[in-house]
PDB file of N, CA and C in Angstrom:
ATOM      1  N   MET A   1       0.856  -1.171   0.000  1.00  0.00           N
ATOM      2  CA  MET A   1       0.000   0.000   0.000  1.00  0.00           C
ATOM      3  C   MET A   1       0.903   1.235   0.000  1.00  0.00           C
ATOM      4  N   ARG A   2       0.617   2.138  -0.908  1.00  0.00           N
ATOM      5  CA  ARG A   2       1.435   3.336  -1.076  1.00  0.00           C
ATOM      6  C   ARG A   2       0.692   4.545  -0.521  1.00  0.00           C
ATOM      7  N   VAL A   3       1.373   5.341   0.303  1.00  0.00           N
ATOM      8  CA  VAL A   3       0.782   6.580   0.800  1.00  0.00           C
ATOM      9  C   VAL A   3       0.862   7.616  -0.316  1.00  0.00           C
ATOM     10  N   VAL A   4      -0.291   8.138  -0.695  1.00  0.00           N
ATOM     11  CA  VAL A   4      -0.374   9.155  -1.735  1.00  0.00           C
ATOM     12  C   VAL A   4      -0.260  10.545  -1.120  1.00  0.00           C
ATOM     13  N   ALA A   5      -0.967  10.734   0.017  1.00  0.00           N
ATOM     14  CA  ALA A   5      -0.958  12.057   0.645  1.00  0.00           C
ATOM     15  C   ALA A   5      -1.433  11.982   2.083  1.00  0.00           C
ATOM     16  N   ASP A   6      -0.863  12.834   2.910  1.00  0.00           N
ATOM     17  CA  ASP A   6      -1.400  13.139   4.227  1.00  0.00           C
ATOM     18  C   ASP A   6      -2.143  14.454   4.045  1.00  0.00           C
ATOM     19  N   ILE A   7      -3.421  14.449   4.364  1.00  0.00           N
ATOM     20  CA  ILE A   7      -4.272  15.595   4.079  1.00  0.00           C
ATOM     21  C   ILE A   7      -4.584  16.318   5.385  1.00  0.00           C
ATOM     22  N   SER A   8      -4.258  17.585   5.408  1.00  0.00           N
ATOM     23  CA  SER A   8      -4.439  18.398   6.602  1.00  0.00           C
ATOM     24  C   SER A   8      -5.922  18.627   6.889  1.00  0.00           C
ATOM     25  N   ASN A   9      -6.303  18.406   8.159  1.00  0.00           N
ATOM     26  CA  ASN A   9      -7.649  18.691   8.610  1.00  0.00           C
ATOM     27  C   ASN A   9      -7.602  18.901  10.117  1.00  0.00           C
ATOM     28  N   PRO A  10      -8.289  19.918  10.642  1.00  0.00           N
ATOM     29  CA  PRO A  10      -8.220  20.183  12.077  1.00  0.00           C
ATOM     30  C   PRO A  10      -8.996  19.190  12.938  1.00  0.00           C
ATOM     31  N   HIS A  11      -9.876  18.381  12.353  1.00  0.00           N
ATOM     32  CA  HIS A  11     -10.743  17.499  13.126  1.00  0.00           C
ATOM     33  C   HIS A  11     -10.303  16.038  13.119  1.00  0.00           C
ATOM     34  N   VAL A  12      -9.715  15.590  12.027  1.00  0.00           N
ATOM     35  CA  VAL A  12      -9.324  14.183  11.893  1.00  0.00           C
ATOM     36  C   VAL A  12      -8.013  14.087  11.132  1.00  0.00           C
ATOM     37  N   LYS A  13      -7.310  12.993  11.349  1.00  0.00           N
ATOM     38  CA  LYS A  13      -6.111  12.709  10.558  1.00  0.00           C
ATOM     39  C   LYS A  13      -6.584  11.968   9.300  1.00  0.00           C
ATOM     40  N   ILE A  14      -6.156  12.447   8.148  1.00  0.00           N
ATOM     41  CA  ILE A  14      -6.590  11.848   6.886  1.00  0.00           C
ATOM     42  C   ILE A  14      -5.363  11.419   6.092  1.00  0.00           C
ATOM     43  N   THR A  15      -5.375  10.167   5.663  1.00  0.00           N
ATOM     44  CA  THR A  15      -4.318   9.651   4.808  1.00  0.00           C
ATOM     45  C   THR A  15      -4.959   9.022   3.579  1.00  0.00           C
ATOM     46  N   LEU A  16      -4.442   9.374   2.417  1.00  0.00           N
ATOM     47  CA  LEU A  16      -4.902   8.786   1.161  1.00  0.00           C
ATOM     48  C   LEU A  16      -3.859   7.784   0.703  1.00  0.00           C
ATOM     49  N   HIS A  17      -4.293   6.552   0.498  1.00  0.00           N
ATOM     50  CA  HIS A  17      -3.419   5.475   0.040  1.00  0.00           C
ATOM     51  C   HIS A  17      -3.866   5.022  -1.346  1.00  0.00           C
ATOM     52  N   SER A  18      -2.968   4.351  -2.032  1.00  0.00           N
ATOM     53  CA  SER A  18      -3.295   3.691  -3.287  1.00  0.00           C
ATOM     54  C   SER A  18      -2.877   2.232  -3.152  1.00  0.00           C
ATOM     55  N   TYR A  19      -3.791   1.325  -3.518  1.00  0.00           N
ATOM     56  CA  TYR A  19      -3.488  -0.089  -3.385  1.00  0.00           C
ATOM     57  C   TYR A  19      -4.391  -0.909  -4.294  1.00  0.00           C
ATOM     58  N   ASN A  20      -3.773  -1.683  -5.143  1.00  0.00           N
ATOM     59  CA  ASN A  20      -4.482  -2.684  -5.931  1.00  0.00           C
ATOM     60  C   ASN A  20      -5.670  -2.103  -6.712  1.00  0.00           C
ATOM     61  N   GLY A  21      -5.457  -0.976  -7.368  1.00  0.00           N
ATOM     62  CA  GLY A  21      -6.498  -0.381  -8.184  1.00  0.00           C
ATOM     63  C   GLY A  21      -7.539   0.408  -7.421  1.00  0.00           C
ATOM     64  N   LYS A  22      -7.266   0.671  -6.147  1.00  0.00           N
ATOM     65  CA  LYS A  22      -8.205   1.421  -5.326  1.00  0.00           C
ATOM     66  C   LYS A  22      -7.488   2.549  -4.599  1.00  0.00           C
ATOM     67  N   TYR A  23      -8.225   3.615  -4.356  1.00  0.00           N
ATOM     68  CA  TYR A  23      -7.789   4.626  -3.394  1.00  0.00           C
ATOM     69  C   TYR A  23      -8.407   4.238  -2.062  1.00  0.00           C
ATOM     70  N   ILE A  24      -7.651   4.386  -1.020  1.00  0.00           N
ATOM     71  CA  ILE A  24      -8.144   4.097   0.322  1.00  0.00           C
ATOM     72  C   ILE A  24      -8.008   5.367   1.143  1.00  0.00           C
ATOM     73  N   LEU A  25      -9.147   5.890   1.572  1.00  0.00           N
ATOM     74  CA  LEU A  25      -9.173   7.053   2.456  1.00  0.00           C
ATOM     75  C   LEU A  25      -9.247   6.535   3.880  1.00  0.00           C
ATOM     76  N   LYS A  26      -8.237   6.855   4.666  1.00  0.00           N
ATOM     77  CA  LYS A  26      -8.202   6.432   6.062  1.00  0.00           C
ATOM     78  C   LYS A  26      -8.330   7.686   6.920  1.00  0.00           C
ATOM     79  N   LEU A  27      -9.368   7.727   7.738  1.00  0.00           N
ATOM     80  CA  LEU A  27      -9.623   8.859   8.622  1.00  0.00           C
ATOM     81  C   LEU A  27      -9.532   8.362  10.056  1.00  0.00           C
ATOM     82  N   GLU A  28      -8.770   9.066  10.889  1.00  0.00           N
ATOM     83  CA  GLU A  28      -8.531   8.638  12.261  1.00  0.00           C
ATOM     84  C   GLU A  28      -8.826   9.760  13.242  1.00  0.00           C
ATOM     85  N   LYS A  29      -9.377   9.354  14.381  1.00  0.00           N
ATOM     86  CA  LYS A  29      -9.581  10.277  15.496  1.00  0.00           C
ATOM     87  C   LYS A  29      -9.460   9.452  16.765  1.00  0.00           C
ATOM     88  N   ALA A  30      -8.526   9.839  17.613  1.00  0.00           N
ATOM     89  CA  ALA A  30      -8.250   9.106  18.852  1.00  0.00           C
ATOM     90  C   ALA A  30      -7.993   7.633  18.516  1.00  0.00           C
ATOM     91  N   ASN A  31      -8.730   6.716  19.153  1.00  0.00           N
ATOM     92  CA  ASN A  31      -8.509   5.276  18.951  1.00  0.00           C
ATOM     93  C   ASN A  31      -9.408   4.669  17.882  1.00  0.00           C
ATOM     94  N   PHE A  32     -10.054   5.505  17.079  1.00  0.00           N
ATOM     95  CA  PHE A  32     -11.007   5.016  16.094  1.00  0.00           C
ATOM     96  C   PHE A  32     -10.555   5.380  14.689  1.00  0.00           C
ATOM     97  N   GLU A  33     -10.970   4.575  13.721  1.00  0.00           N
ATOM     98  CA  GLU A  33     -10.665   4.901  12.332  1.00  0.00           C
ATOM     99  C   GLU A  33     -11.818   4.473  11.426  1.00  0.00           C
ATOM    100  N   GLN A  34     -11.918   5.179  10.321  1.00  0.00           N
ATOM    101  CA  GLN A  34     -12.877   4.853   9.273  1.00  0.00           C
ATOM    102  C   GLN A  34     -12.079   4.728   7.981  1.00  0.00           C
ATOM    103  N   ILE A  35     -12.441   3.729   7.188  1.00  0.00           N
ATOM    104  CA  ILE A  35     -11.747   3.499   5.928  1.00  0.00           C
ATOM    105  C   ILE A  35     -12.779   3.426   4.806  1.00  0.00           C
ATOM    106  N   TYR A  36     -12.490   4.155   3.742  1.00  0.00           N
ATOM    107  CA  TYR A  36     -13.345   4.174   2.560  1.00  0.00           C
ATOM    108  C   TYR A  36     -12.503   3.739   1.368  1.00  0.00           C
ATOM    109  N   LYS A  37     -12.973   2.730   0.637  1.00  0.00           N
ATOM    110  CA  LYS A  37     -12.270   2.234  -0.538  1.00  0.00           C
ATOM    111  C   LYS A  37     -12.997   2.718  -1.791  1.00  0.00           C
ATOM    112  N   ILE A  38     -12.226   3.291  -2.696  1.00  0.00           N
ATOM    113  CA  ILE A  38     -12.795   3.878  -3.903  1.00  0.00           C
ATOM    114  C   ILE A  38     -12.044   3.315  -5.107  1.00  0.00           C
ATOM    115  N   GLU A  39     -12.762   2.773  -6.051  1.00  0.00           N
ATOM    116  CA  GLU A  39     -12.123   2.303  -7.280  1.00  0.00           C
ATOM    117  C   GLU A  39     -11.426   3.478  -7.966  1.00  0.00           C
ATOM    118  N   GLU A  40     -10.215   3.278  -8.426  1.00  0.00           N
ATOM    119  CA  GLU A  40      -9.478   4.358  -9.095  1.00  0.00           C
ATOM    120  C   GLU A  40     -10.231   4.878 -10.314  1.00  0.00           C
ATOM    121  N   THR A  41     -11.036   4.032 -10.927  1.00  0.00           N
ATOM    122  CA  THR A  41     -11.790   4.441 -12.114  1.00  0.00           C
ATOM    123  C   THR A  41     -12.991   5.329 -11.772  1.00  0.00           C
ATOM    124  N   GLU A  42     -13.355   5.423 -10.489  1.00  0.00           N
ATOM    125  CA  GLU A  42     -14.507   6.220 -10.074  1.00  0.00           C
ATOM    126  C   GLU A  42     -14.168   7.693  -9.879  1.00  0.00           C
ATOM    127  N   VAL A  43     -12.888   8.024  -9.780  1.00  0.00           N
ATOM    128  CA  VAL A  43     -12.468   9.414  -9.560  1.00  0.00           C
ATOM    129  C   VAL A  43     -11.376   9.765 -10.558  1.00  0.00           C
ATOM    130  N   MET A  44     -11.145  11.054 -10.699  1.00  0.00           N
ATOM    131  CA  MET A  44     -10.130  11.536 -11.635  1.00  0.00           C
ATOM    132  C   MET A  44      -8.788  11.705 -10.918  1.00  0.00           C
ATOM    133  N   GLY A  45      -8.109  10.603 -10.665  1.00  0.00           N
ATOM    134  CA  GLY A  45      -6.782  10.640 -10.067  1.00  0.00           C
ATOM    135  C   GLY A  45      -6.791  11.042  -8.604  1.00  0.00           C
ATOM    136  N   ASP A  46      -5.581  11.342  -8.101  1.00  0.00           N
ATOM    137  CA  ASP A  46      -5.411  11.703  -6.694  1.00  0.00           C
ATOM    138  C   ASP A  46      -6.281  12.897  -6.320  1.00  0.00           C
ATOM    139  N   GLU A  47      -6.310  13.882  -7.189  1.00  0.00           N
ATOM    140  CA  GLU A  47      -7.075  15.098  -6.894  1.00  0.00           C
ATOM    141  C   GLU A  47      -8.573  14.808  -6.836  1.00  0.00           C
ATOM    142  N   GLY A  48      -9.041  13.902  -7.646  1.00  0.00           N
ATOM    143  CA  GLY A  48     -10.450  13.513  -7.603  1.00  0.00           C
ATOM    144  C   GLY A  48     -10.808  12.836  -6.293  1.00  0.00           C
ATOM    145  N   ALA A  49      -9.895  12.006  -5.801  1.00  0.00           N
ATOM    146  CA  ALA A  49     -10.115  11.350  -4.508  1.00  0.00           C
ATOM    147  C   ALA A  49     -10.123  12.384  -3.388  1.00  0.00           C
ATOM    148  N   LYS A  50      -9.198  13.337  -3.439  1.00  0.00           N
ATOM    149  CA  LYS A  50      -9.134  14.381  -2.412  1.00  0.00           C
ATOM    150  C   LYS A  50     -10.378  15.263  -2.436  1.00  0.00           C
ATOM    151  N   ALA A  51     -10.945  15.476  -3.618  1.00  0.00           N
ATOM    152  CA  ALA A  51     -12.117  16.337  -3.759  1.00  0.00           C
ATOM    153  C   ALA A  51     -13.333  15.781  -3.024  1.00  0.00           C
ATOM    154  N   LEU A  52     -13.334  14.481  -2.749  1.00  0.00           N
ATOM    155  CA  LEU A  52     -14.446  13.876  -2.018  1.00  0.00           C
ATOM    156  C   LEU A  52     -14.519  14.367  -0.578  1.00  0.00           C
ATOM    157  N   LEU A  53     -13.433  14.923  -0.091  1.00  0.00           N
ATOM    158  CA  LEU A  53     -13.342  15.336   1.308  1.00  0.00           C
ATOM    159  C   LEU A  53     -13.911  16.734   1.521  1.00  0.00           C
ATOM    160  N   ASP A  54     -15.143  16.933   1.093  1.00  0.00           N
ATOM    161  CA  ASP A  54     -15.759  18.242   1.262  1.00  0.00           C
ATOM    162  C   ASP A  54     -16.278  18.396   2.701  1.00  0.00           C
ATOM    163  N   GLU A  55     -16.741  19.591   3.003  1.00  0.00           N
ATOM    164  CA  GLU A  55     -17.162  19.930   4.371  1.00  0.00           C
ATOM    165  C   GLU A  55     -18.283  19.016   4.868  1.00  0.00           C
ATOM    166  N   GLU A  56     -19.238  18.726   4.019  1.00  0.00           N
ATOM    167  CA  GLU A  56     -20.365  17.875   4.414  1.00  0.00           C
ATOM    168  C   GLU A  56     -19.902  16.453   4.750  1.00  0.00           C
ATOM    169  N   PHE A  57     -18.982  15.913   3.948  1.00  0.00           N
ATOM    170  CA  PHE A  57     -18.458  14.573   4.213  1.00  0.00           C
ATOM    171  C   PHE A  57     -17.694  14.544   5.530  1.00  0.00           C
ATOM    172  N   ILE A  58     -16.827  15.529   5.751  1.00  0.00           N
ATOM    173  CA  ILE A  58     -16.036  15.570   6.992  1.00  0.00           C
ATOM    174  C   ILE A  58     -16.957  15.689   8.202  1.00  0.00           C
ATOM    175  N   GLU A  59     -18.003  16.487   8.097  1.00  0.00           N
ATOM    176  CA  GLU A  59     -18.958  16.619   9.198  1.00  0.00           C
ATOM    177  C   GLU A  59     -19.616  15.279   9.508  1.00  0.00           C
ATOM    178  N   ALA A  60     -19.999  14.534   8.478  1.00  0.00           N
ATOM    179  CA  ALA A  60     -20.595  13.215   8.677  1.00  0.00           C
ATOM    180  C   ALA A  60     -19.599  12.250   9.320  1.00  0.00           C
ATOM    181  N   VAL A  61     -18.337  12.324   8.896  1.00  0.00           N
ATOM    182  CA  VAL A  61     -17.291  11.474   9.464  1.00  0.00           C
ATOM    183  C   VAL A  61     -17.106  11.779  10.946  1.00  0.00           C
ATOM    184  N   VAL A  62     -17.026  13.057  11.289  1.00  0.00           N
ATOM    185  CA  VAL A  62     -16.848  13.448  12.690  1.00  0.00           C
ATOM    186  C   VAL A  62     -18.038  12.965  13.525  1.00  0.00           C
ATOM    187  N   ASN A  63     -19.250  13.124  13.008  1.00  0.00           N
ATOM    188  CA  ASN A  63     -20.434  12.641  13.728  1.00  0.00           C
ATOM    189  C   ASN A  63     -20.387  11.129  13.923  1.00  0.00           C
ATOM    190  N   ARG A  64     -19.906  10.413  12.910  1.00  0.00           N
ATOM    191  CA  ARG A  64     -19.793   8.963  13.022  1.00  0.00           C
ATOM    192  C   ARG A  64     -18.760   8.589  14.085  1.00  0.00           C
ATOM    193  N   PHE A  65     -17.673   9.356  14.189  1.00  0.00           N
ATOM    194  CA  PHE A  65     -16.688   9.104  15.250  1.00  0.00           C
ATOM    195  C   PHE A  65     -17.328   9.297  16.627  1.00  0.00           C
ATOM    196  N   VAL A  66     -18.162  10.304  16.786  1.00  0.00           N
ATOM    197  CA  VAL A  66     -18.848  10.521  18.060  1.00  0.00           C
ATOM    198  C   VAL A  66     -19.732   9.310  18.370  1.00  0.00           C
ATOM    199  N   ASP A  67     -20.473   8.833  17.377  1.00  0.00           N
ATOM    200  CA  ASP A  67     -21.323   7.650  17.568  1.00  0.00           C
ATOM    201  C   ASP A  67     -20.491   6.422  17.926  1.00  0.00           C
ATOM    202  N   MET A  68     -19.348   6.257  17.267  1.00  0.00           N
ATOM    203  CA  MET A  68     -18.468   5.116  17.553  1.00  0.00           C
ATOM    204  C   MET A  68     -17.977   5.172  18.994  1.00  0.00           C
ATOM    205  N   ARG A  69     -17.549   6.363  19.419  1.00  0.00           N
ATOM    206  CA  ARG A  69     -17.060   6.519  20.791  1.00  0.00           C
ATOM    207  C   ARG A  69     -18.169   6.224  21.788  1.00  0.00           C
ATOM    208  N   ASP A  70     -19.361   6.772  21.543  1.00  0.00           N
ATOM    209  CA  ASP A  70     -20.485   6.549  22.452  1.00  0.00           C
ATOM    210  C   ASP A  70     -20.830   5.065  22.559  1.00  0.00           C
ATOM    211  N   ALA A  71     -20.851   4.356  21.446  1.00  0.00           N
ATOM    212  CA  ALA A  71     -21.152   2.925  21.456  1.00  0.00           C
ATOM    213  C   ALA A  71     -20.092   2.154  22.236  1.00  0.00           C
ATOM    214  N   PHE A  72     -18.834   2.552  22.048  1.00  0.00           N
ATOM    215  CA  PHE A  72     -17.758   1.839  22.745  1.00  0.00           C
ATOM    216  C   PHE A  72     -17.807   2.111  24.249  1.00  0.00           C
ATOM    217  N   VAL A  73     -18.011   3.350  24.634  1.00  0.00           N
ATOM    218  CA  VAL A  73     -18.112   3.689  26.058  1.00  0.00           C
ATOM    219  C   VAL A  73     -19.277   2.938  26.688  1.00  0.00           C
ATOM    220  N   SER A  74     -20.389   2.860  25.989  1.00  0.00           N
ATOM    221  CA  SER A  74     -21.560   2.149  26.509  1.00  0.00           C
ATOM    222  C   SER A  74     -21.276   0.674  26.734  1.00  0.00           C
ATOM    223  N   THR A  75     -20.629   0.033  25.780  1.00  0.00           N
ATOM    224  CA  THR A  75     -20.345  -1.394  25.968  1.00  0.00           C
ATOM    225  C   THR A  75     -19.323  -1.623  27.077  1.00  0.00           C
ATOM    226  N   MET A  76     -18.388  -0.709  27.212  1.00  0.00           N
ATOM    227  CA  MET A  76     -17.414  -0.835  28.309  1.00  0.00           C
ATOM    228  C   MET A  76     -18.134  -0.745  29.654  1.00  0.00           C
ATOM    229  N   ARG A  77     -19.069   0.177  29.774  1.00  0.00           N
ATOM    230  CA  ARG A  77     -19.825   0.318  31.024  1.00  0.00           C
ATOM    231  C   ARG A  77     -20.695  -0.893  31.299  1.00  0.00           C
ATOM    232  N   ARG A  78     -21.393  -1.378  30.270  1.00  0.00           N
ATOM    233  CA  ARG A  78     -22.277  -2.533  30.438  1.00  0.00           C
ATOM    234  C   ARG A  78     -21.512  -3.770  30.862  1.00  0.00           C
ATOM    235  N   ASN A  79     -20.280  -3.861  30.407  1.00  0.00           N
ATOM    236  CA  ASN A  79     -19.498  -5.059  30.657  1.00  0.00           C
ATOM    237  C   ASN A  79     -18.429  -4.865  31.724  1.00  0.00           C
ATOM    238  N   ASN A  80     -18.586  -3.802  32.503  1.00  0.00           N
ATOM    239  CA  ASN A  80     -17.695  -3.524  33.630  1.00  0.00           C
ATOM    240  C   ASN A  80     -16.228  -3.558  33.268  1.00  0.00           C
ATOM    241  N   ALA A  81     -15.909  -3.060  32.109  1.00  0.00           N
ATOM    242  CA  ALA A  81     -14.503  -3.056  31.679  1.00  0.00           C
ATOM    243  C   ALA A  81     -13.836  -1.754  32.051  1.00  0.00           C
TER     244      ALA A  81
END
């Protein structure tokens, strides 16, 4: 897997990879990560993949991280961990 770019964002760490005919967008916050796989033929090169990272998408990603954290905290509490 080849790192194409580290993309600056104040809310999440974003890394764009290229692997086996796909772009892989990896978004990280604290101990959680989200990965999106995109066929290289679906976007116009590296810049096309980066263009997907608009404000609305990032907002949805951040909200999903909040949901992930809440679900994990809840299961930890339920299971006395």
